[in-house]
Each structure stands twice: as structure tokens, then as C-alpha cells.
PDB file of N, CA and C in Angstrom:
ATOM      1  N   MET A   1      59.083 -30.966  34.632  1.00  0.00           N
ATOM      2  CA  MET A   1      58.719 -30.757  33.123  1.00  0.00           C
ATOM      3  C   MET A   1      59.898 -30.916  32.143  1.00  0.00           C
ATOM      4  N   GLN A   2      59.263 -31.786  31.102  1.00  0.00           N
ATOM      5  CA  GLN A   2      60.436 -32.253  30.230  1.00  0.00           C
ATOM      6  C   GLN A   2      60.744 -30.989  29.083  1.00  0.00           C
ATOM      7  N   ALA A   3      61.755 -30.893  28.438  1.00  0.00           N
ATOM      8  CA  ALA A   3      62.134 -29.946  27.510  1.00  0.00           C
ATOM      9  C   ALA A   3      60.962 -30.098  26.340  1.00  0.00           C
ATOM     10  N   SER A   4      60.316 -30.856  26.028  1.00  0.00           N
ATOM     11  CA  SER A   4      59.440 -30.973  25.093  1.00  0.00           C
ATOM     12  C   SER A   4      57.969 -30.286  25.596  1.00  0.00           C
ATOM     13  N   ASP A   5      57.812 -30.443  27.018  1.00  0.00           N
ATOM     14  CA  ASP A   5      56.866 -29.965  27.552  1.00  0.00           C
ATOM     15  C   ASP A   5      56.692 -28.347  27.515  1.00  0.00           C
ATOM     16  N   ALA A   6      58.255 -27.923  27.813  1.00  0.00           N
ATOM     17  CA  ALA A   6      58.460 -26.528  27.719  1.00  0.00           C
ATOM     18  C   ALA A   6      58.193 -25.912  26.462  1.00  0.00           C
ATOM     19  N   ALA A   7      58.633 -26.835  25.426  1.00  0.00           N
ATOM     20  CA  ALA A   7      58.470 -26.421  24.001  1.00  0.00           C
ATOM     21  C   ALA A   7      57.304 -26.009  23.566  1.00  0.00           C
ATOM     22  N   THR A   8      56.389 -27.134  23.949  1.00  0.00           N
ATOM     23  CA  THR A   8      54.820 -27.026  23.490  1.00  0.00           C
ATOM     24  C   THR A   8      54.322 -26.149  24.186  1.00  0.00           C
ATOM     25  N   ARG A   9      54.516 -25.720  25.387  1.00  0.00           N
ATOM     26  CA  ARG A   9      53.834 -24.648  26.128  1.00  0.00           C
ATOM     27  C   ARG A   9      54.303 -23.418  25.499  1.00  0.00           C
ATOM     28  N   ARG A  10      55.473 -23.035  25.396  1.00  0.00           N
ATOM     29  CA  ARG A  10      55.861 -21.762  25.077  1.00  0.00           C
ATOM     30  C   ARG A  10      55.376 -21.317  23.374  1.00  0.00           C
ATOM     31  N   LEU A  11      55.460 -22.646  22.808  1.00  0.00           N
ATOM     32  CA  LEU A  11      54.759 -22.349  21.284  1.00  0.00           C
ATOM     33  C   LEU A  11      53.266 -22.088  21.180  1.00  0.00           C
ATOM     34  N   ARG A  12      52.581 -22.793  22.149  1.00  0.00           N
ATOM     35  CA  ARG A  12      51.164 -22.554  22.145  1.00  0.00           C
ATOM     36  C   ARG A  12      50.798 -21.237  22.987  1.00  0.00           C
ATOM     37  N   ALA A  13      51.575 -20.875  23.806  1.00  0.00           N
ATOM     38  CA  ALA A  13      51.299 -19.445  24.235  1.00  0.00           C
ATOM     39  C   ALA A  13      51.385 -18.465  23.087  1.00  0.00           C
ATOM     40  N   ILE A  14      52.650 -18.399  22.588  1.00  0.00           N
ATOM     41  CA  ILE A  14      53.149 -17.527  21.517  1.00  0.00           C
ATOM     42  C   ILE A  14      51.962 -17.427  20.448  1.00  0.00           C
ATOM     43  N   SER A  15      51.532 -18.717  19.923  1.00  0.00           N
ATOM     44  CA  SER A  15      50.400 -18.775  18.965  1.00  0.00           C
ATOM     45  C   SER A  15      49.196 -18.221  19.364  1.00  0.00           C
ATOM     46  N   ILE A  16      48.928 -18.362  20.421  1.00  0.00           N
ATOM     47  CA  ILE A  16      47.647 -17.777  20.949  1.00  0.00           C
ATOM     48  C   ILE A  16      47.626 -16.030  21.048  1.00  0.00           C
ATOM     49  N   LEU A  17      48.509 -15.756  21.684  1.00  0.00           N
ATOM     50  CA  LEU A  17      48.851 -14.316  21.685  1.00  0.00           C
ATOM     51  C   LEU A  17      49.074 -13.646  20.523  1.00  0.00           C
ATOM     52  N   GLU A  18      49.639 -14.334  19.512  1.00  0.00           N
ATOM     53  CA  GLU A  18      49.974 -13.748  17.973  1.00  0.00           C
ATOM     54  C   GLU A  18      48.520 -13.702  17.411  1.00  0.00           C
ATOM     55  N   THR A  19      47.808 -14.676  17.495  1.00  0.00           N
ATOM     56  CA  THR A  19      46.386 -14.608  16.879  1.00  0.00           C
ATOM     57  C   THR A  19      45.514 -13.636  17.462  1.00  0.00           C
ATOM     58  N   LEU A  20      45.780 -13.514  18.997  1.00  0.00           N
ATOM     59  CA  LEU A  20      44.844 -12.573  19.517  1.00  0.00           C
ATOM     60  C   LEU A  20      45.000 -11.236  19.254  1.00  0.00           C
ATOM     61  N   SER A  21      46.504 -10.981  19.141  1.00  0.00           N
ATOM     62  CA  SER A  21      46.992  -9.568  18.972  1.00  0.00           C
ATOM     63  C   SER A  21      46.519  -9.034  17.488  1.00  0.00           C
ATOM     64  N   PHE A  22      46.401 -10.116  16.627  1.00  0.00           N
ATOM     65  CA  PHE A  22      45.986  -9.876  15.082  1.00  0.00           C
ATOM     66  C   PHE A  22      44.487  -9.437  15.163  1.00  0.00           C
ATOM     67  N   ILE A  23      43.900 -10.066  15.819  1.00  0.00           N
ATOM     68  CA  ILE A  23      42.227  -9.889  16.142  1.00  0.00           C
ATOM     69  C   ILE A  23      42.153  -8.366  16.773  1.00  0.00           C
ATOM     70  N   VAL A  24      42.804  -8.053  17.714  1.00  0.00           N
ATOM     71  CA  VAL A  24      42.801  -6.657  18.275  1.00  0.00           C
ATOM     72  C   VAL A  24      43.273  -5.672  17.160  1.00  0.00           C
ATOM     73  N   LEU A  25      44.257  -5.988  16.580  1.00  0.00           N
ATOM     74  CA  LEU A  25      44.701  -4.968  15.264  1.00  0.00           C
ATOM     75  C   LEU A  25      43.719  -4.854  14.296  1.00  0.00           C
ATOM     76  N   LEU A  26      43.096  -5.930  13.993  1.00  0.00           N
ATOM     77  CA  LEU A  26      42.143  -5.985  12.904  1.00  0.00           C
ATOM     78  C   LEU A  26      40.788  -4.858  13.676  1.00  0.00           C
ATOM     79  N   ALA A  27      40.281  -5.212  14.910  1.00  0.00           N
ATOM     80  CA  ALA A  27      39.375  -4.210  15.457  1.00  0.00           C
ATOM     81  C   ALA A  27      39.800  -3.048  15.632  1.00  0.00           C
ATOM     82  N   MET A  28      41.188  -2.664  15.852  1.00  0.00           N
ATOM     83  CA  MET A  28      41.576  -1.305  15.735  1.00  0.00           C
ATOM     84  C   MET A  28      41.380  -0.635  14.349  1.00  0.00           C
ATOM     85  N   MET A  29      41.666  -1.390  13.549  1.00  0.00           N
ATOM     86  CA  MET A  29      41.713  -1.008  12.038  1.00  0.00           C
ATOM     87  C   MET A  29      40.269  -0.462  11.489  1.00  0.00           C
ATOM     88  N   ILE A  30      38.825  -1.555  11.922  1.00  0.00           N
ATOM     89  CA  ILE A  30      37.810  -1.566  11.451  1.00  0.00           C
ATOM     90  C   ILE A  30      37.219  -0.194  12.197  1.00  0.00           C
ATOM     91  N   SER A  31      37.573  -0.036  13.498  1.00  0.00           N
ATOM     92  CA  SER A  31      37.150   1.146  14.049  1.00  0.00           C
ATOM     93  C   SER A  31      37.778   2.491  14.010  1.00  0.00           C
ATOM     94  N   ASN A  32      38.920   2.419  13.109  1.00  0.00           N
ATOM     95  CA  ASN A  32      39.505   3.818  12.188  1.00  0.00           C
ATOM     96  C   ASN A  32      40.310   4.520  13.478  1.00  0.00           C
ATOM     97  N   ASN A  33      40.796   3.337  14.714  1.00  0.00           N
ATOM     98  CA  ASN A  33      41.411   4.103  15.866  1.00  0.00           C
ATOM     99  C   ASN A  33      42.951   4.085  15.585  1.00  0.00           C
ATOM    100  N   GLU A  34      43.478   5.271  15.156  1.00  0.00           N
ATOM    101  CA  GLU A  34      44.918   5.309  14.816  1.00  0.00           C
ATOM    102  C   GLU A  34      45.698   4.845  15.730  1.00  0.00           C
ATOM    103  N   ALA A  35      45.599   5.610  16.837  1.00  0.00           N
ATOM    104  CA  ALA A  35      46.549   5.154  17.980  1.00  0.00           C
ATOM    105  C   ALA A  35      46.469   3.477  18.438  1.00  0.00           C
ATOM    106  N   GLY A  36      45.337   3.176  18.415  1.00  0.00           N
ATOM    107  CA  GLY A  36      45.255   1.618  18.677  1.00  0.00           C
ATOM    108  C   GLY A  36      45.708   0.864  17.664  1.00  0.00           C
ATOM    109  N   VAL A  37      45.880   1.205  16.463  1.00  0.00           N
ATOM    110  CA  VAL A  37      46.425   0.640  15.176  1.00  0.00           C
ATOM    111  C   VAL A  37      47.970   0.716  15.502  1.00  0.00           C
ATOM    112  N   SER A  38      48.323   1.802  15.855  1.00  0.00           N
ATOM    113  CA  SER A  38      49.908   1.950  16.206  1.00  0.00           C
ATOM    114  C   SER A  38      50.447   1.225  17.235  1.00  0.00           C
ATOM    115  N   ILE A  39      49.687   1.049  18.339  1.00  0.00           N
ATOM    116  CA  ILE A  39      49.822   0.149  19.559  1.00  0.00           C
ATOM    117  C   ILE A  39      49.788  -1.027  19.218  1.00  0.00           C
ATOM    118  N   ALA A  40      48.590  -1.614  18.844  1.00  0.00           N
ATOM    119  CA  ALA A  40      48.398  -2.844  18.517  1.00  0.00           C
ATOM    120  C   ALA A  40      49.394  -3.485  17.373  1.00  0.00           C
ATOM    121  N   GLY A  41      49.626  -2.721  16.317  1.00  0.00           N
ATOM    122  CA  GLY A  41      50.457  -3.200  15.411  1.00  0.00           C
ATOM    123  C   GLY A  41      51.809  -3.362  15.867  1.00  0.00           C
ATOM    124  N   ALA A  42      52.597  -2.383  16.830  1.00  0.00           N
ATOM    125  CA  ALA A  42      53.560  -2.939  17.200  1.00  0.00           C
ATOM    126  C   ALA A  42      53.763  -4.027  18.052  1.00  0.00           C
ATOM    127  N   ILE A  43      52.633  -4.291  18.932  1.00  0.00           N
ATOM    128  CA  ILE A  43      52.630  -5.496  20.003  1.00  0.00           C
ATOM    129  C   ILE A  43      52.356  -6.529  18.875  1.00  0.00           C
ATOM    130  N   HIS A  44      51.698  -6.748  17.797  1.00  0.00           N
ATOM    131  CA  HIS A  44      51.457  -7.774  17.177  1.00  0.00           C
ATOM    132  C   HIS A  44      52.670  -8.234  16.197  1.00  0.00           C
ATOM    133  N   GLY A  45      53.499  -6.948  15.848  1.00  0.00           N
ATOM    134  CA  GLY A  45      54.741  -7.309  14.961  1.00  0.00           C
ATOM    135  C   GLY A  45      55.870  -8.205  15.918  1.00  0.00           C
ATOM    136  N   LEU A  46      55.704  -7.522  17.234  1.00  0.00           N
ATOM    137  CA  LEU A  46      56.862  -8.368  18.240  1.00  0.00           C
ATOM    138  C   LEU A  46      56.469  -9.511  18.383  1.00  0.00           C
ATOM    139  N   LEU A  47      54.988  -9.966  18.738  1.00  0.00           N
ATOM    140  CA  LEU A  47      54.492 -11.145  19.126  1.00  0.00           C
ATOM    141  C   LEU A  47      54.774 -12.272  17.580  1.00  0.00           C
ATOM    142  N   PHE A  48      54.593 -11.585  16.551  1.00  0.00           N
ATOM    143  CA  PHE A  48      54.707 -12.467  15.269  1.00  0.00           C
ATOM    144  C   PHE A  48      56.206 -12.785  15.208  1.00  0.00           C
ATOM    145  N   LEU A  49      57.107 -11.646  15.328  1.00  0.00           N
ATOM    146  CA  LEU A  49      58.506 -12.024  15.258  1.00  0.00           C
ATOM    147  C   LEU A  49      58.989 -13.367  16.173  1.00  0.00           C
ATOM    148  N   GLY A  50      58.412 -13.270  17.351  1.00  0.00           N
ATOM    149  CA  GLY A  50      58.679 -14.315  18.521  1.00  0.00           C
ATOM    150  C   GLY A  50      58.243 -15.720  17.844  1.00  0.00           C
ATOM    151  N   TYR A  51      56.811 -15.388  17.505  1.00  0.00           N
ATOM    152  CA  TYR A  51      56.221 -16.761  16.869  1.00  0.00           C
ATOM    153  C   TYR A  51      57.107 -17.351  15.807  1.00  0.00           C
ATOM    154  N   ALA A  52      57.573 -16.601  14.853  1.00  0.00           N
ATOM    155  CA  ALA A  52      58.387 -17.009  13.928  1.00  0.00           C
ATOM    156  C   ALA A  52      59.659 -17.841  14.279  1.00  0.00           C
ATOM    157  N   VAL A  53      60.427 -17.122  15.113  1.00  0.00           N
ATOM    158  CA  VAL A  53      61.683 -17.549  15.828  1.00  0.00           C
ATOM    159  C   VAL A  53      61.206 -18.777  16.595  1.00  0.00           C
ATOM    160  N   LEU A  54      60.314 -18.924  17.100  1.00  0.00           N
ATOM    161  CA  LEU A  54      60.165 -20.362  17.907  1.00  0.00           C
ATOM    162  C   LEU A  54      59.599 -21.414  17.016  1.00  0.00           C
ATOM    163  N   VAL A  55      58.777 -21.024  16.043  1.00  0.00           N
ATOM    164  CA  VAL A  55      58.722 -21.972  14.859  1.00  0.00           C
ATOM    165  C   VAL A  55      59.947 -22.711  14.089  1.00  0.00           C
ATOM    166  N   LEU A  56      60.974 -21.745  14.046  1.00  0.00           N
ATOM    167  CA  LEU A  56      62.094 -22.247  13.450  1.00  0.00           C
ATOM    168  C   LEU A  56      63.001 -22.867  14.472  1.00  0.00           C
ATOM    169  N   VAL A  57      63.020 -22.299  15.458  1.00  0.00           N
ATOM    170  CA  VAL A  57      63.871 -23.136  16.412  1.00  0.00           C
ATOM    171  C   VAL A  57      63.524 -24.421  16.813  1.00  0.00           C
ATOM    172  N   ASP A  58      62.021 -24.637  17.224  1.00  0.00           N
ATOM    173  CA  ASP A  58      61.368 -25.818  17.642  1.00  0.00           C
ATOM    174  C   ASP A  58      61.054 -26.878  16.654  1.00  0.00           C
ATOM    175  N   ARG A  59      61.441 -26.416  15.148  1.00  0.00           N
ATOM    176  CA  ARG A  59      60.964 -27.219  13.826  1.00  0.00           C
ATOM    177  C   ARG A  59      61.303 -28.518  13.940  1.00  0.00           C
ATOM    178  N   GLU A  60      62.706 -28.654  14.308  1.00  0.00           N
ATOM    179  CA  GLU A  60      63.386 -30.072  14.382  1.00  0.00           C
ATOM    180  C   GLU A  60      62.719 -30.932  15.463  1.00  0.00           C
ATOM    181  N   HIS A  61      62.755 -30.147  16.575  1.00  0.00           N
ATOM    182  CA  HIS A  61      62.242 -30.976  17.880  1.00  0.00           C
ATOM    183  C   HIS A  61      60.929 -31.579  17.642  1.00  0.00           C
ATOM    184  N   PHE A  62      59.915 -30.858  16.856  1.00  0.00           N
ATOM    185  CA  PHE A  62      58.631 -31.341  16.664  1.00  0.00           C
ATOM    186  C   PHE A  62      58.476 -32.115  15.475  1.00  0.00           C
ATOM    187  N   GLY A  63      59.605 -32.336  14.708  1.00  0.00           N
ATOM    188  CA  GLY A  63      59.582 -33.079  13.705  1.00  0.00           C
ATOM    189  C   GLY A  63      58.933 -32.570  12.356  1.00  0.00           C
ATOM    190  N   TRP A  64      58.897 -31.285  12.457  1.00  0.00           N
ATOM    191  CA  TRP A  64      58.123 -30.601  11.434  1.00  0.00           C
ATOM    192  C   TRP A  64      59.064 -30.214  10.255  1.00  0.00           C
ATOM    193  N   SER A  65      58.625 -30.474   8.961  1.00  0.00           N
ATOM    194  CA  SER A  65      59.297 -30.138   7.414  1.00  0.00           C
ATOM    195  C   SER A  65      59.446 -28.672   7.479  1.00  0.00           C
ATOM    196  N   TRP A  66      60.440 -28.289   6.801  1.00  0.00           N
ATOM    197  CA  TRP A  66      60.575 -26.931   6.475  1.00  0.00           C
ATOM    198  C   TRP A  66      59.680 -26.308   5.683  1.00  0.00           C
ATOM    199  N   ALA A  67      58.939 -27.001   5.021  1.00  0.00           N
ATOM    200  CA  ALA A  67      57.449 -26.646   4.176  1.00  0.00           C
ATOM    201  C   ALA A  67      56.622 -26.085   5.239  1.00  0.00           C
ATOM    202  N   PHE A  68      56.409 -27.168   6.311  1.00  0.00           N
ATOM    203  CA  PHE A  68      55.298 -26.749   7.088  1.00  0.00           C
ATOM    204  C   PHE A  68      55.754 -25.587   7.971  1.00  0.00           C
ATOM    205  N   ALA A  69      56.912 -25.348   8.518  1.00  0.00           N
ATOM    206  CA  ALA A  69      57.333 -24.292   9.123  1.00  0.00           C
ATOM    207  C   ALA A  69      57.316 -22.952   8.450  1.00  0.00           C
ATOM    208  N   ALA A  70      57.718 -23.148   6.914  1.00  0.00           N
ATOM    209  CA  ALA A  70      57.459 -21.954   6.028  1.00  0.00           C
ATOM    210  C   ALA A  70      55.994 -21.514   5.966  1.00  0.00           C
ATOM    211  N   LEU A  71      55.239 -22.588   5.835  1.00  0.00           N
ATOM    212  CA  LEU A  71      53.543 -22.362   5.703  1.00  0.00           C
ATOM    213  C   LEU A  71      53.163 -21.622   7.096  1.00  0.00           C
ATOM    214  N   ALA A  72      53.698 -22.277   8.109  1.00  0.00           N
ATOM    215  CA  ALA A  72      53.210 -21.705   9.505  1.00  0.00           C
ATOM    216  C   ALA A  72      53.580 -20.222   9.517  1.00  0.00           C
ATOM    217  N   ILE A  73      54.767 -19.975   9.090  1.00  0.00           N
ATOM    218  CA  ILE A  73      55.046 -18.428   9.185  1.00  0.00           C
ATOM    219  C   ILE A  73      54.383 -17.590   8.107  1.00  0.00           C
ATOM    220  N   LEU A  74      54.581 -18.004   7.052  1.00  0.00           N
ATOM    221  CA  LEU A  74      54.041 -17.225   5.874  1.00  0.00           C
ATOM    222  C   LEU A  74      52.608 -16.671   5.894  1.00  0.00           C
ATOM    223  N   THR A  75      51.650 -17.509   6.619  1.00  0.00           N
ATOM    224  CA  THR A  75      50.182 -17.547   6.555  1.00  0.00           C
ATOM    225  C   THR A  75      49.815 -16.855   7.961  1.00  0.00           C
ATOM    226  N   GLY A  76      51.051 -16.411   8.759  1.00  0.00           N
ATOM    227  CA  GLY A  76      50.793 -15.380   9.832  1.00  0.00           C
ATOM    228  C   GLY A  76      49.645 -16.205  11.009  1.00  0.00           C
ATOM    229  N   PRO A  77      48.683 -15.254  11.221  1.00  0.00           N
ATOM    230  CA  PRO A  77      47.593 -15.640  12.365  1.00  0.00           C
ATOM    231  C   PRO A  77      46.986 -17.107  11.868  1.00  0.00           C
ATOM    232  N   LEU A  78      46.833 -17.285  10.638  1.00  0.00           N
ATOM    233  CA  LEU A  78      46.163 -18.519  10.476  1.00  0.00           C
ATOM    234  C   LEU A  78      47.245 -19.750  10.546  1.00  0.00           C
ATOM    235  N   GLY A  79      48.547 -19.441  10.346  1.00  0.00           N
ATOM    236  CA  GLY A  79      49.585 -20.489  10.522  1.00  0.00           C
ATOM    237  C   GLY A  79      49.553 -20.962  11.872  1.00  0.00           C
ATOM    238  N   ALA A  80      49.566 -19.689  12.860  1.00  0.00           N
ATOM    239  CA  ALA A  80      49.426 -20.105  14.212  1.00  0.00           C
ATOM    240  C   ALA A  80      48.077 -20.909  14.543  1.00  0.00           C
ATOM    241  N   ILE A  81      47.271 -21.004  13.956  1.00  0.00           N
ATOM    242  CA  ILE A  81      46.013 -21.921  14.295  1.00  0.00           C
ATOM    243  C   ILE A  81      46.635 -23.404  13.561  1.00  0.00           C
ATOM    244  N   PHE A  82      47.177 -23.584  12.582  1.00  0.00           N
ATOM    245  CA  PHE A  82      47.653 -24.814  12.035  1.00  0.00           C
ATOM    246  C   PHE A  82      48.893 -25.267  13.195  1.00  0.00           C
ATOM    247  N   VAL A  83      49.459 -24.313  13.781  1.00  0.00           N
ATOM    248  CA  VAL A  83      50.451 -25.020  14.864  1.00  0.00           C
ATOM    249  C   VAL A  83      49.766 -25.463  15.935  1.00  0.00           C
ATOM    250  N   LEU A  84      48.747 -24.678  16.345  1.00  0.00           N
ATOM    251  CA  LEU A  84      47.932 -24.979  17.601  1.00  0.00           C
ATOM    252  C   LEU A  84      47.657 -26.539  17.334  1.00  0.00           C
ATOM    253  N   GLU A  85      46.836 -26.569  16.275  1.00  0.00           N
ATOM    254  CA  GLU A  85      46.362 -27.685  15.898  1.00  0.00           C
ATOM    255  C   GLU A  85      47.508 -28.872  15.933  1.00  0.00           C
ATOM    256  N   LYS A  86      48.330 -28.563  15.482  1.00  0.00           N
ATOM    257  CA  LYS A  86      49.681 -29.653  15.087  1.00  0.00           C
ATOM    258  C   LYS A  86      50.104 -30.024  16.650  1.00  0.00           C
ATOM    259  N   LEU A  87      50.217 -29.055  17.645  1.00  0.00           N
ATOM    260  CA  LEU A  87      50.601 -29.285  18.767  1.00  0.00           C
ATOM    261  C   LEU A  87      49.574 -30.332  19.776  1.00  0.00           C
ATOM    262  N   ARG A  88      48.253 -29.795  19.432  1.00  0.00           N
ATOM    263  CA  ARG A  88      47.399 -30.589  20.046  1.00  0.00           C
ATOM    264  C   ARG A  88      47.175 -32.175  19.841  1.00  0.00           C
ATOM    265  N   ARG A  89      47.492 -32.635  18.701  1.00  0.00           N
ATOM    266  CA  ARG A  89      47.601 -33.905  18.317  1.00  0.00           C
ATOM    267  C   ARG A  89      48.923 -34.624  18.874  1.00  0.00           C
ATOM    268  N   PRO A  90      48.768 -35.839  19.458  1.00  0.00           N
ATOM    269  CA  PRO A  90      49.972 -36.698  19.852  1.00  0.00           C
ATOM    270  C   PRO A  90      50.889 -36.765  18.782  1.00  0.00           C
ATOM    271  N   ARG A  91      52.333 -36.827  19.108  1.00  0.00           N
ATOM    272  CA  ARG A  91      53.382 -37.016  18.243  1.00  0.00           C
ATOM    273  C   ARG A  91      53.549 -38.746  18.052  1.00  0.00           C
ATOM    274  N   PRO A  92      53.898 -39.284  17.137  1.00  0.00           N
ATOM    275  CA  PRO A  92      54.377 -40.564  16.851  1.00  0.00           C
ATOM    276  C   PRO A  92      55.612 -40.673  17.503  1.00  0.00           C
ATOM    277  N   SER A  93      55.919 -41.828  18.169  1.00  0.00           N
ATOM    278  CA  SER A  93      57.229 -41.952  18.790  1.00  0.00           C
ATOM    279  C   SER A  93      58.078 -42.789  17.931  1.00  0.00           C
TER     280      SER A  93
END
């Protein structure tokens, strides 16, 4: 496994988990489950921080601009979907 493969896999995994945790958090909020919101919120927060760190750490490796990295982080779960789409496309050599 090459380093780029590892970077792609870890960023893909954290992007998916971050988005799913947000969906769970929304479900807990809609159902007025305060305990669920506390637990899902904490998990989502940690996953988001991990996602943000990986976007910043791997930005240069993937050839992404600072503007794209900022967009990917500031838009939260939607940004994770942008990242997943970017990772799906082959990079120019």
C-alpha cells in the first residue's frame, strides 16, 4: 500500500464517519432525545476535529488549495461530501 493510498483511505473513512455521525446527531435532535444528543454530539465533535486535522494535514498531498481546505472544513458534513467526491476522481499526474 502506497502512502497516497493510506491517505485516501483514512480521509475517506473519516469523511464518511463524520457525515454519518451528523445524521445520527440530527436524528437525536429531532426526536428530542437529550441523552442521545449529548452522546452523538460528543462523538460527532471528535470525528469532526479528526476530519479537519486530516484535511489540513493531507491538503498538500492531494494538491488542494487552502481555499478548498477551508471550504471543506467550514461547511462541515457537506464539506465531507465534497472531499469524498474529490477523492473519487483520479488526480492528474
